[in-house]
Amino acid sequence: MEQVTKDFQNRSLKLERIDTGDYTPEEYDRFLHDIRLVNRFAGDNRALKKTLLREIERENLHEFSVLDVGAGSGELLRVIAKFASRQKRKTELSGLELNERSARAILEESKDFAEIKAIRGDALNLPFAENSFDYAICSLFTHHLTDENIVRTLREMARVARRKIFVIDLHRHKMAYLSYQIFCAGFRISPLVVEDGSLSILRSFVPEELKLLAEKAKLENIAVERHFPFRLVLSGS
């Protein structure tokens, strides 16, 4: 326990295997499957509903557009699409991925959602004009980046978003780490997701760190909220 606590003093700089490319195509396909399961139980959908979707309801937007940066397989885009459909709101949803397999996965798993499209591109240089979307979001993406590149990404997201950006990521906490080990053992999560997910927590943030990064990116109206179980949501414009 003492070693785990010590590791939580600062962000880890060790790269995850998913970022180094040290995996087989089969491992990556299993990664996409297992990470959706982890996220469904671990709070990303809940955090999205209590932030972006609540904002849309509060503003009573009859139509809106969202860019998801580092969208993975598009899980959160489908959550937004279902929300918009239930409430009779028109939406345009774009998932940006640098990884070709993930970009294909967005389309493959969103074939029932005509409003969702996939775009290959770099978060550090988004291929869109200013104010191209109402909102820009990302989830469990920023912890993969260095602090410098997080600032660049936040600036890019704010540049293309007319209204606001929302950044969902992990809260670096020893109980988050230990809870993740128990969850993975119970659900027989693949070794790649166990290893990288554990490192993700060590690479993630405490609220003050996210706020400082947002300030360096010169965002306005900055807020960092904690959401159950171990999620942080940064918002700004």
C-alpha atoms as a PDB file:
ATOM      1  CA  MET A   1       0.000   0.000   0.000  1.00  0.00           C
ATOM      2  CA  GLU A   2       2.843   2.385   0.794  1.00  0.00           C
ATOM      3  CA  GLN A   3       4.325   1.954  -2.680  1.00  0.00           C
ATOM      4  CA  VAL A   4       0.955   2.548  -4.356  1.00  0.00           C
ATOM      5  CA  THR A   5       0.427   5.690  -2.296  1.00  0.00           C
ATOM      6  CA  LYS A   6       3.893   6.964  -3.218  1.00  0.00           C
ATOM      7  CA  ASP A   7       3.170   6.400  -6.928  1.00  0.00           C
ATOM      8  CA  PHE A   8       0.180   8.717  -6.702  1.00  0.00           C
ATOM      9  CA  GLN A   9       2.144  11.825  -5.826  1.00  0.00           C
ATOM     10  CA  ASN A  10       2.809  12.716  -9.474  1.00  0.00           C
ATOM     11  CA  ARG A  11       1.622  11.682 -12.921  1.00  0.00           C
ATOM     12  CA  SER A  12       3.436   8.634 -14.268  1.00  0.00           C
ATOM     13  CA  LEU A  13       5.462   9.236 -17.430  1.00  0.00           C
ATOM     14  CA  LYS A  14       5.498   5.573 -18.471  1.00  0.00           C
ATOM     15  CA  LEU A  15       3.768   5.017 -21.818  1.00  0.00           C
ATOM     16  CA  GLU A  16       0.904   2.581 -22.159  1.00  0.00           C
ATOM     17  CA  ARG A  17       1.172  -0.297 -24.628  1.00  0.00           C
ATOM     18  CA  ILE A  18      -1.760   1.102 -26.589  1.00  0.00           C
ATOM     19  CA  ASP A  19       0.339   4.216 -27.213  1.00  0.00           C
ATOM     20  CA  THR A  20       3.546   2.405 -28.163  1.00  0.00           C
ATOM     21  CA  GLY A  21       1.863   0.008 -30.603  1.00  0.00           C
ATOM     22  CA  ASP A  22       3.047  -3.018 -28.636  1.00  0.00           C
ATOM     23  CA  TYR A  23       0.011  -5.218 -29.316  1.00  0.00           C
ATOM     24  CA  THR A  24      -1.357  -7.590 -31.933  1.00  0.00           C
ATOM     25  CA  PRO A  25      -4.485  -6.900 -34.054  1.00  0.00           C
ATOM     26  CA  GLU A  26      -6.296  -9.542 -31.993  1.00  0.00           C
ATOM     27  CA  GLU A  27      -5.293  -7.855 -28.755  1.00  0.00           C
ATOM     28  CA  TYR A  28      -6.525  -4.510 -30.086  1.00  0.00           C
ATOM     29  CA  ASP A  29      -9.928  -5.918 -31.059  1.00  0.00           C
ATOM     30  CA  ARG A  30     -10.253  -7.385 -27.555  1.00  0.00           C
ATOM     31  CA  PHE A  31      -9.086  -4.045 -26.159  1.00  0.00           C
ATOM     32  CA  LEU A  32     -11.940  -2.206 -27.916  1.00  0.00           C
ATOM     33  CA  HIS A  33     -14.446  -4.734 -26.539  1.00  0.00           C
ATOM     34  CA  ASP A  34     -13.175  -4.727 -22.960  1.00  0.00           C
ATOM     35  CA  ILE A  35     -12.646  -0.981 -22.692  1.00  0.00           C
ATOM     36  CA  ARG A  36     -16.319  -0.421 -23.553  1.00  0.00           C
ATOM     37  CA  LEU A  37     -17.292  -2.740 -20.710  1.00  0.00           C
ATOM     38  CA  VAL A  38     -14.981  -0.943 -18.291  1.00  0.00           C
ATOM     39  CA  ASN A  39     -16.259   2.485 -19.294  1.00  0.00           C
ATOM     40  CA  ARG A  40     -19.909   1.445 -19.088  1.00  0.00           C
ATOM     41  CA  PHE A  41     -19.496   0.389 -15.464  1.00  0.00           C
ATOM     42  CA  ALA A  42     -16.895   2.952 -14.457  1.00  0.00           C
ATOM     43  CA  GLY A  43     -18.785   6.160 -14.996  1.00  0.00           C
ATOM     44  CA  ASP A  44     -18.093   7.761 -18.384  1.00  0.00           C
ATOM     45  CA  ASN A  45     -21.708   7.567 -19.527  1.00  0.00           C
ATOM     46  CA  ARG A  46     -22.864   8.919 -16.175  1.00  0.00           C
ATOM     47  CA  ALA A  47     -20.380  11.790 -16.310  1.00  0.00           C
ATOM     48  CA  LEU A  48     -21.464  12.650 -19.857  1.00  0.00           C
ATOM     49  CA  LYS A  49     -25.136  12.727 -18.886  1.00  0.00           C
ATOM     50  CA  LYS A  50     -24.495  14.983 -15.901  1.00  0.00           C
ATOM     51  CA  THR A  51     -22.404  17.464 -17.874  1.00  0.00           C
ATOM     52  CA  LEU A  52     -22.846  17.769 -21.650  1.00  0.00           C
ATOM     53  CA  LEU A  53     -26.343  16.303 -21.877  1.00  0.00           C
ATOM     54  CA  ARG A  54     -27.564  18.306 -18.891  1.00  0.00           C
ATOM     55  CA  GLU A  55     -26.131  21.443 -20.532  1.00  0.00           C
ATOM     56  CA  ILE A  56     -28.044  20.700 -23.751  1.00  0.00           C
ATOM     57  CA  GLU A  57     -31.272  20.277 -21.790  1.00  0.00           C
ATOM     58  CA  ARG A  58     -30.646  23.456 -19.803  1.00  0.00           C
ATOM     59  CA  GLU A  59     -30.007  25.439 -22.992  1.00  0.00           C
ATOM     60  CA  ASN A  60     -32.985  23.687 -24.635  1.00  0.00           C
ATOM     61  CA  LEU A  61     -31.082  23.165 -27.873  1.00  0.00           C
ATOM     62  CA  HIS A  62     -33.337  21.719 -30.571  1.00  0.00           C
ATOM     63  CA  GLU A  63     -30.264  20.930 -32.671  1.00  0.00           C
ATOM     64  CA  PHE A  64     -26.586  20.702 -31.823  1.00  0.00           C
ATOM     65  CA  SER A  65     -23.278  19.276 -33.037  1.00  0.00           C
ATOM     66  CA  VAL A  66     -20.549  17.484 -31.099  1.00  0.00           C
ATOM     67  CA  LEU A  67     -16.977  16.511 -31.908  1.00  0.00           C
ATOM     68  CA  ASP A  68     -15.550  13.641 -29.838  1.00  0.00           C
ATOM     69  CA  VAL A  69     -11.742  13.811 -29.917  1.00  0.00           C
ATOM     70  CA  GLY A  70     -10.111  10.399 -29.527  1.00  0.00           C
ATOM     71  CA  ALA A  71     -13.537   8.788 -29.759  1.00  0.00           C
ATOM     72  CA  GLY A  72     -12.395   5.168 -29.570  1.00  0.00           C
ATOM     73  CA  SER A  73     -15.210   3.030 -30.957  1.00  0.00           C
ATOM     74  CA  GLY A  74     -17.750   5.851 -30.606  1.00  0.00           C
ATOM     75  CA  GLU A  75     -19.503   4.666 -27.445  1.00  0.00           C
ATOM     76  CA  LEU A  76     -20.224   8.164 -26.135  1.00  0.00           C
ATOM     77  CA  LEU A  77     -21.397   9.359 -29.547  1.00  0.00           C
ATOM     78  CA  ARG A  78     -24.032   6.630 -29.499  1.00  0.00           C
ATOM     79  CA  VAL A  79     -25.099   7.698 -25.998  1.00  0.00           C
ATOM     80  CA  ILE A  80     -25.571  11.247 -27.318  1.00  0.00           C
ATOM     81  CA  ALA A  81     -27.427  10.008 -30.406  1.00  0.00           C
ATOM     82  CA  LYS A  82     -29.884   7.999 -28.306  1.00  0.00           C
ATOM     83  CA  PHE A  83     -30.411  10.976 -25.996  1.00  0.00           C
ATOM     84  CA  ALA A  84     -31.139  13.261 -28.965  1.00  0.00           C
ATOM     85  CA  SER A  85     -33.520  10.735 -30.517  1.00  0.00           C
ATOM     86  CA  ARG A  86     -35.506  10.312 -27.299  1.00  0.00           C
ATOM     87  CA  GLN A  87     -35.882  14.064 -26.912  1.00  0.00           C
ATOM     88  CA  LYS A  88     -36.563  14.794 -30.607  1.00  0.00           C
ATOM     89  CA  ARG A  89     -33.434  16.891 -30.971  1.00  0.00           C
ATOM     90  CA  LYS A  90     -31.498  17.044 -34.230  1.00  0.00           C
ATOM     91  CA  THR A  91     -27.790  16.350 -33.942  1.00  0.00           C
ATOM     92  CA  GLU A  92     -24.620  15.917 -35.957  1.00  0.00           C
ATOM     93  CA  LEU A  93     -21.937  13.826 -34.276  1.00  0.00           C
ATOM     94  CA  SER A  94     -18.332  13.378 -35.367  1.00  0.00           C
ATOM     95  CA  GLY A  95     -15.737  11.046 -33.905  1.00  0.00           C
ATOM     96  CA  LEU A  96     -12.093  11.887 -34.532  1.00  0.00           C
ATOM     97  CA  GLU A  97      -9.505   9.119 -34.338  1.00  0.00           C
ATOM     98  CA  LEU A  98      -5.901   8.907 -35.445  1.00  0.00           C
ATOM     99  CA  ASN A  99      -6.036   5.111 -35.313  1.00  0.00           C
ATOM    100  CA  GLU A 100      -7.506   3.621 -38.500  1.00  0.00           C
ATOM    101  CA  ARG A 101      -8.953   0.567 -36.719  1.00  0.00           C
ATOM    102  CA  SER A 102     -10.774   2.758 -34.212  1.00  0.00           C
ATOM    103  CA  ALA A 103     -12.126   5.019 -36.968  1.00  0.00           C
ATOM    104  CA  ARG A 104     -13.535   1.931 -38.699  1.00  0.00           C
ATOM    105  CA  ALA A 105     -14.980   0.708 -35.401  1.00  0.00           C
ATOM    106  CA  ILE A 106     -16.942   3.956 -34.997  1.00  0.00           C
ATOM    107  CA  LEU A 107     -18.683   3.344 -38.320  1.00  0.00           C
ATOM    108  CA  GLU A 108     -19.093  -0.407 -37.825  1.00  0.00           C
ATOM    109  CA  GLU A 109     -20.732  -0.042 -34.429  1.00  0.00           C
ATOM    110  CA  SER A 110     -22.743   3.062 -35.323  1.00  0.00           C
ATOM    111  CA  LYS A 111     -24.333   1.750 -38.523  1.00  0.00           C
ATOM    112  CA  ASP A 112     -27.797   2.345 -37.038  1.00  0.00           C
ATOM    113  CA  PHE A 113     -26.975   6.022 -36.413  1.00  0.00           C
ATOM    114  CA  ALA A 114     -26.838   8.086 -39.599  1.00  0.00           C
ATOM    115  CA  GLU A 115     -25.939  11.178 -37.568  1.00  0.00           C
ATOM    116  CA  ILE A 116     -22.569   9.684 -36.552  1.00  0.00           C
ATOM    117  CA  LYS A 117     -19.526   9.944 -38.790  1.00  0.00           C
ATOM    118  CA  ALA A 118     -15.857   9.115 -38.308  1.00  0.00           C
ATOM    119  CA  ILE A 119     -12.897  11.300 -39.234  1.00  0.00           C
ATOM    120  CA  ARG A 120      -9.218  10.434 -39.078  1.00  0.00           C
ATOM    121  CA  GLY A 121      -7.146  13.274 -37.716  1.00  0.00           C
ATOM    122  CA  ASP A 122      -4.711  14.563 -35.115  1.00  0.00           C
ATOM    123  CA  ALA A 123      -5.985  16.092 -31.878  1.00  0.00           C
ATOM    124  CA  LEU A 124      -3.016  18.474 -31.864  1.00  0.00           C
ATOM    125  CA  ASN A 125      -4.085  19.932 -35.196  1.00  0.00           C
ATOM    126  CA  LEU A 126      -7.824  19.414 -35.625  1.00  0.00           C
ATOM    127  CA  PRO A 127      -8.828  19.462 -39.311  1.00  0.00           C
ATOM    128  CA  PHE A 128     -11.719  21.881 -38.773  1.00  0.00           C
ATOM    129  CA  ALA A 129     -12.327  25.606 -39.005  1.00  0.00           C
ATOM    130  CA  GLU A 130     -13.020  27.708 -35.910  1.00  0.00           C
ATOM    131  CA  ASN A 131     -16.457  27.228 -34.344  1.00  0.00           C
ATOM    132  CA  SER A 132     -17.249  24.184 -36.493  1.00  0.00           C
ATOM    133  CA  PHE A 133     -19.147  22.466 -33.662  1.00  0.00           C
ATOM    134  CA  ASP A 134     -21.313  23.495 -30.745  1.00  0.00           C
ATOM    135  CA  TYR A 135     -19.330  21.276 -28.371  1.00  0.00           C
ATOM    136  CA  ALA A 136     -16.056  19.374 -28.354  1.00  0.00           C
ATOM    137  CA  ILE A 137     -15.568  16.533 -25.901  1.00  0.00           C
ATOM    138  CA  CYS A 138     -13.033  13.867 -25.116  1.00  0.00           C
ATOM    139  CA  SER A 139     -13.068  10.981 -22.683  1.00  0.00           C
ATOM    140  CA  LEU A 140     -10.126   9.061 -21.236  1.00  0.00           C
ATOM    141  CA  PHE A 141      -7.908  10.649 -23.853  1.00  0.00           C
ATOM    142  CA  THR A 142      -5.892  13.408 -22.211  1.00  0.00           C
ATOM    143  CA  HIS A 143      -4.064  11.113 -19.776  1.00  0.00           C
ATOM    144  CA  HIS A 144      -2.335   9.540 -22.792  1.00  0.00           C
ATOM    145  CA  LEU A 145      -0.672  12.901 -23.555  1.00  0.00           C
ATOM    146  CA  THR A 146       2.137  14.941 -22.067  1.00  0.00           C
ATOM    147  CA  ASP A 147       1.142  18.111 -20.224  1.00  0.00           C
ATOM    148  CA  GLU A 148       2.357  20.187 -23.173  1.00  0.00           C
ATOM    149  CA  ASN A 149       0.220  18.257 -25.643  1.00  0.00           C
ATOM    150  CA  ILE A 150      -2.793  18.380 -23.327  1.00  0.00           C
ATOM    151  CA  VAL A 151      -2.578  22.186 -23.420  1.00  0.00           C
ATOM    152  CA  ARG A 152      -2.350  22.104 -27.227  1.00  0.00           C
ATOM    153  CA  THR A 153      -5.340  19.762 -27.434  1.00  0.00           C
ATOM    154  CA  LEU A 154      -7.445  21.913 -25.121  1.00  0.00           C
ATOM    155  CA  ARG A 155      -6.672  24.968 -27.252  1.00  0.00           C
ATOM    156  CA  GLU A 156      -7.647  23.096 -30.405  1.00  0.00           C
ATOM    157  CA  MET A 157     -10.889  21.839 -28.868  1.00  0.00           C
ATOM    158  CA  ALA A 158     -11.786  25.339 -27.697  1.00  0.00           C
ATOM    159  CA  ARG A 159     -10.966  26.723 -31.148  1.00  0.00           C
ATOM    160  CA  VAL A 160     -13.461  24.469 -32.939  1.00  0.00           C
ATOM    161  CA  ALA A 161     -16.219  24.613 -30.277  1.00  0.00           C
ATOM    162  CA  ARG A 162     -18.714  27.492 -30.361  1.00  0.00           C
ATOM    163  CA  ARG A 163     -20.146  26.845 -26.920  1.00  0.00           C
ATOM    164  CA  LYS A 164     -18.023  24.757 -24.578  1.00  0.00           C
ATOM    165  CA  ILE A 165     -15.656  21.827 -24.221  1.00  0.00           C
ATOM    166  CA  PHE A 166     -15.948  18.907 -21.803  1.00  0.00           C
ATOM    167  CA  VAL A 167     -12.976  16.710 -20.890  1.00  0.00           C
ATOM    168  CA  ILE A 168     -13.723  13.493 -18.987  1.00  0.00           C
ATOM    169  CA  ASP A 169     -10.789  11.666 -17.454  1.00  0.00           C
ATOM    170  CA  LEU A 170      -9.648   9.641 -14.477  1.00  0.00           C
ATOM    171  CA  HIS A 171      -9.065  10.867 -10.945  1.00  0.00           C
ATOM    172  CA  ARG A 172      -5.629   9.703  -9.798  1.00  0.00           C
ATOM    173  CA  HIS A 173      -6.461   8.097  -6.470  1.00  0.00           C
ATOM    174  CA  LYS A 174      -5.244   4.975  -4.689  1.00  0.00           C
ATOM    175  CA  MET A 175      -8.808   3.667  -4.231  1.00  0.00           C
ATOM    176  CA  ALA A 176      -9.430   4.044  -7.965  1.00  0.00           C
ATOM    177  CA  TYR A 177      -6.359   1.897  -8.592  1.00  0.00           C
ATOM    178  CA  LEU A 178      -7.330  -0.828  -6.141  1.00  0.00           C
ATOM    179  CA  SER A 179     -10.987  -0.857  -7.261  1.00  0.00           C
ATOM    180  CA  TYR A 180      -9.869  -1.306 -10.863  1.00  0.00           C
ATOM    181  CA  GLN A 181      -7.844  -4.403  -9.984  1.00  0.00           C
ATOM    182  CA  ILE A 182     -10.874  -5.964  -8.296  1.00  0.00           C
ATOM    183  CA  PHE A 183     -13.174  -5.080 -11.210  1.00  0.00           C
ATOM    184  CA  CYS A 184     -10.834  -6.572 -13.812  1.00  0.00           C
ATOM    185  CA  ALA A 185     -10.446  -9.806 -11.860  1.00  0.00           C
ATOM    186  CA  GLY A 186     -14.208 -10.149 -11.490  1.00  0.00           C
ATOM    187  CA  PHE A 187     -14.979  -9.541 -15.175  1.00  0.00           C
ATOM    188  CA  ARG A 188     -11.947 -11.396 -16.605  1.00  0.00           C
ATOM    189  CA  ILE A 189     -10.670  -8.335 -18.418  1.00  0.00           C
ATOM    190  CA  SER A 190      -7.877  -8.950 -20.939  1.00  0.00           C
ATOM    191  CA  PRO A 191      -4.250  -8.490 -19.826  1.00  0.00           C
ATOM    192  CA  LEU A 192      -3.719  -5.513 -22.162  1.00  0.00           C
ATOM    193  CA  VAL A 193      -6.657  -3.618 -20.643  1.00  0.00           C
ATOM    194  CA  VAL A 194      -5.644  -4.579 -17.093  1.00  0.00           C
ATOM    195  CA  GLU A 195      -2.074  -3.380 -17.642  1.00  0.00           C
ATOM    196  CA  ASP A 196      -2.896  -0.218 -19.558  1.00  0.00           C
ATOM    197  CA  GLY A 197      -5.911   0.646 -17.403  1.00  0.00           C
ATOM    198  CA  SER A 198      -3.830   0.464 -14.241  1.00  0.00           C
ATOM    199  CA  LEU A 199      -1.197   2.689 -15.819  1.00  0.00           C
ATOM    200  CA  SER A 200      -3.933   5.055 -17.035  1.00  0.00           C
ATOM    201  CA  ILE A 201      -4.855   5.760 -13.436  1.00  0.00           C
ATOM    202  CA  LEU A 202      -1.230   6.484 -12.577  1.00  0.00           C
ATOM    203  CA  ARG A 203      -0.990   8.810 -15.604  1.00  0.00           C
ATOM    204  CA  SER A 204      -4.209  10.662 -14.753  1.00  0.00           C
ATOM    205  CA  PHE A 205      -4.951  13.765 -12.697  1.00  0.00           C
ATOM    206  CA  VAL A 206      -6.023  15.391  -9.495  1.00  0.00           C
ATOM    207  CA  PRO A 207      -8.466  18.324  -9.892  1.00  0.00           C
ATOM    208  CA  GLU A 208      -5.856  21.032  -9.361  1.00  0.00           C
ATOM    209  CA  GLU A 209      -3.694  19.644 -12.170  1.00  0.00           C
ATOM    210  CA  LEU A 210      -6.531  19.710 -14.702  1.00  0.00           C
ATOM    211  CA  LYS A 211      -7.450  23.253 -13.692  1.00  0.00           C
ATOM    212  CA  LEU A 212      -3.853  24.415 -14.141  1.00  0.00           C
ATOM    213  CA  LEU A 213      -3.653  22.831 -17.607  1.00  0.00           C
ATOM    214  CA  ALA A 214      -6.880  24.599 -18.591  1.00  0.00           C
ATOM    215  CA  GLU A 215      -5.456  27.901 -17.375  1.00  0.00           C
ATOM    216  CA  LYS A 216      -2.291  27.327 -19.430  1.00  0.00           C
ATOM    217  CA  ALA A 217      -4.548  26.710 -22.454  1.00  0.00           C
ATOM    218  CA  LYS A 218      -6.169  30.093 -21.703  1.00  0.00           C
ATOM    219  CA  LEU A 219      -9.655  28.639 -21.362  1.00  0.00           C
ATOM    220  CA  GLU A 220     -12.391  30.738 -19.786  1.00  0.00           C
ATOM    221  CA  ASN A 221     -15.184  29.752 -17.383  1.00  0.00           C
ATOM    222  CA  ILE A 222     -13.081  26.839 -16.140  1.00  0.00           C
ATOM    223  CA  ALA A 223     -14.632  24.258 -13.848  1.00  0.00           C
ATOM    224  CA  VAL A 224     -13.440  20.827 -12.677  1.00  0.00           C
ATOM    225  CA  GLU A 225     -16.092  18.534 -11.200  1.00  0.00           C
ATOM    226  CA  ARG A 226     -15.752  15.146  -9.539  1.00  0.00           C
ATOM    227  CA  HIS A 227     -18.140  12.415 -10.596  1.00  0.00           C
ATOM    228  CA  PHE A 228     -18.704   8.949  -9.156  1.00  0.00           C
ATOM    229  CA  PRO A 229     -16.833   6.699  -9.013  1.00  0.00           C
ATOM    230  CA  PHE A 230     -13.440   8.209  -9.959  1.00  0.00           C
ATOM    231  CA  ARG A 231     -14.009  10.628 -12.805  1.00  0.00           C
ATOM    232  CA  LEU A 232     -13.060  14.265 -13.279  1.00  0.00           C
ATOM    233  CA  VAL A 233     -14.808  16.504 -15.808  1.00  0.00           C
ATOM    234  CA  LEU A 234     -13.121  19.702 -16.957  1.00  0.00           C
ATOM    235  CA  SER A 235     -15.335  22.229 -18.722  1.00  0.00           C
ATOM    236  CA  GLY A 236     -14.441  25.550 -20.273  1.00  0.00           C
ATOM    237  CA  SER A 237     -14.824  27.774 -23.280  1.00  0.00           C
END
